[in-house]
C-alpha atoms as a PDB file:
ATOM      1  CA  MET A   1      -1.263 -10.069  20.347  1.00  0.00           C
ATOM      2  CA  THR A   2      -0.509 -11.702  23.574  1.00  0.00           C
ATOM      3  CA  PRO A   3       0.291 -15.241  25.263  1.00  0.00           C
ATOM      4  CA  GLU A   4      -3.162 -15.704  26.278  1.00  0.00           C
ATOM      5  CA  GLN A   5      -4.560 -14.477  22.722  1.00  0.00           C
ATOM      6  CA  PHE A   6      -2.059 -17.159  21.007  1.00  0.00           C
ATOM      7  CA  LYS A   7      -2.845 -19.702  23.272  1.00  0.00           C
ATOM      8  CA  MET A   8      -6.850 -18.871  22.592  1.00  0.00           C
ATOM      9  CA  ALA A   9      -5.985 -18.844  18.676  1.00  0.00           C
ATOM     10  CA  LYS A  10      -4.530 -22.072  18.495  1.00  0.00           C
ATOM     11  CA  ALA A  11      -7.323 -23.294  20.768  1.00  0.00           C
ATOM     12  CA  ALA A  12     -10.240 -22.053  19.303  1.00  0.00           C
ATOM     13  CA  LEU A  13      -7.759 -24.068  15.837  1.00  0.00           C
ATOM     14  CA  GLY A  14      -7.535 -27.023  17.752  1.00  0.00           C
ATOM     15  CA  LEU A  15      -3.740 -26.196  17.182  1.00  0.00           C
ATOM     16  CA  SER A  16      -0.945 -27.441  18.428  1.00  0.00           C
ATOM     17  CA  ASN A  17       2.470 -25.670  18.822  1.00  0.00           C
ATOM     18  CA  PRO A  18       4.057 -28.708  16.237  1.00  0.00           C
ATOM     19  CA  ASP A  19       0.398 -27.670  14.025  1.00  0.00           C
ATOM     20  CA  VAL A  20       1.933 -24.231  14.101  1.00  0.00           C
ATOM     21  CA  ALA A  21       5.567 -25.073  13.201  1.00  0.00           C
ATOM     22  CA  ASP A  22       4.222 -27.121  10.500  1.00  0.00           C
ATOM     23  CA  GLY A  23       2.317 -24.308   9.068  1.00  0.00           C
ATOM     24  CA  THR A  24       4.881 -21.312   9.897  1.00  0.00           C
ATOM     25  CA  GLY A  25       8.462 -22.734   9.152  1.00  0.00           C
ATOM     26  CA  LEU A  26       8.988 -21.674  12.888  1.00  0.00           C
ATOM     27  CA  HIS A  27      10.757 -23.965  15.022  1.00  0.00           C
ATOM     28  CA  ARG A  28       8.617 -25.580  17.750  1.00  0.00           C
ATOM     29  CA  ASN A  29      10.830 -23.569  21.021  1.00  0.00           C
ATOM     30  CA  THR A  30      10.534 -20.532  19.629  1.00  0.00           C
ATOM     31  CA  LEU A  31       6.418 -21.006  19.214  1.00  0.00           C
ATOM     32  CA  SER A  32       6.798 -22.432  23.737  1.00  0.00           C
ATOM     33  CA  ARG A  33       8.835 -18.889  23.982  1.00  0.00           C
ATOM     34  CA  ILE A  34       5.614 -17.046  22.835  1.00  0.00           C
ATOM     35  CA  ASP A  35       3.093 -18.701  24.733  1.00  0.00           C
ATOM     36  CA  GLN A  36       5.802 -17.790  27.078  1.00  0.00           C
ATOM     37  CA  GLY A  37       5.870 -13.643  25.955  1.00  0.00           C
ATOM     38  CA  PHE A  38       9.131 -14.164  25.351  1.00  0.00           C
ATOM     39  CA  GLY A  39       9.077 -14.008  21.420  1.00  0.00           C
ATOM     40  CA  LYS A  40      11.104 -11.796  19.329  1.00  0.00           C
ATOM     41  CA  PRO A  41       8.234  -8.908  17.148  1.00  0.00           C
ATOM     42  CA  SER A  42       9.154 -10.575  14.745  1.00  0.00           C
ATOM     43  CA  THR A  43       8.445 -13.667  15.363  1.00  0.00           C
ATOM     44  CA  VAL A  44       5.870 -12.924  17.131  1.00  0.00           C
ATOM     45  CA  GLN A  45       3.971 -10.930  13.964  1.00  0.00           C
ATOM     46  CA  HIS A  46       4.708 -14.322  11.308  1.00  0.00           C
ATOM     47  CA  ALA A  47       2.925 -16.303  13.489  1.00  0.00           C
ATOM     48  CA  ARG A  48       0.058 -14.171  14.393  1.00  0.00           C
ATOM     49  CA  LEU A  49      -0.408 -13.182  10.326  1.00  0.00           C
ATOM     50  CA  TYR A  50      -0.247 -17.327  10.411  1.00  0.00           C
ATOM     51  CA  LEU A  51      -3.139 -17.917  12.392  1.00  0.00           C
ATOM     52  CA  GLU A  52      -4.807 -14.832  11.353  1.00  0.00           C
ATOM     53  CA  ALA A  53      -4.626 -16.301   7.724  1.00  0.00           C
ATOM     54  CA  LYS A  54      -6.523 -19.471   8.987  1.00  0.00           C
ATOM     55  CA  GLY A  55      -9.323 -17.085  10.901  1.00  0.00           C
ATOM     56  CA  VAL A  56      -8.644 -16.295  13.918  1.00  0.00           C
ATOM     57  CA  GLN A  57      -9.045 -11.893  15.047  1.00  0.00           C
ATOM     58  CA  PHE A  58      -7.013  -9.987  17.486  1.00  0.00           C
ATOM     59  CA  LEU A  59      -9.039  -8.017  18.750  1.00  0.00           C
ATOM     60  CA  ASP A  60      -7.647  -4.573  21.643  1.00  0.00           C
ATOM     61  CA  GLY A  61     -10.171  -3.792  24.553  1.00  0.00           C
ATOM     62  CA  GLY A  62     -13.083  -2.337  23.661  1.00  0.00           C
ATOM     63  CA  GLN A  63     -13.085  -4.233  20.031  1.00  0.00           C
ATOM     64  CA  VAL A  64     -15.838  -6.540  18.930  1.00  0.00           C
ATOM     65  CA  ALA A  65     -15.339  -9.567  17.216  1.00  0.00           C
ATOM     66  CA  VAL A  66     -16.686  -9.259  13.436  1.00  0.00           C
ATOM     67  CA  GLY A  67     -18.091 -13.944  13.830  1.00  0.00           C
ATOM     68  CA  PRO A  68     -18.186 -15.907  17.315  1.00  0.00           C
ATOM     69  CA  GLY A  69     -15.209 -16.052  19.892  1.00  0.00           C
ATOM     70  CA  VAL A  70     -14.040 -15.517  23.041  1.00  0.00           C
ATOM     71  CA  ALA A  71     -12.267 -12.659  25.013  1.00  0.00           C
ATOM     72  CA  LEU A  72     -11.279 -12.136  28.450  1.00  0.00           C
ATOM     73  CA  LYS A  73     -12.944  -9.704  30.705  1.00  0.00           C
ATOM     74  CA  GLY A  74     -10.502  -6.759  31.878  1.00  0.00           C
ATOM     75  CA  ALA A  75      -8.752  -7.413  35.477  1.00  0.00           C
ATOM     76  CA  GLU A  76     -10.603  -4.100  36.948  1.00  0.00           C
ATOM     77  CA  GLU A  77     -13.624  -5.854  35.008  1.00  0.00           C
END
């Protein structure tokens, strides 16, 4: 999960870092580090699993969503 995906997932669900902190038990400062791309892999995975349980689908380049959503075009497009 990239920082951009993390921010987009929170926005799609209408969640703030304090909301995610309440749902995951992670500290708000830890979530801010994920926002900036500095989260530990295990912490990022914990946040990702929480967001997936809330209904978010994370996509890699070229994948197609199962339902409605948003995606960023690649820099080369």
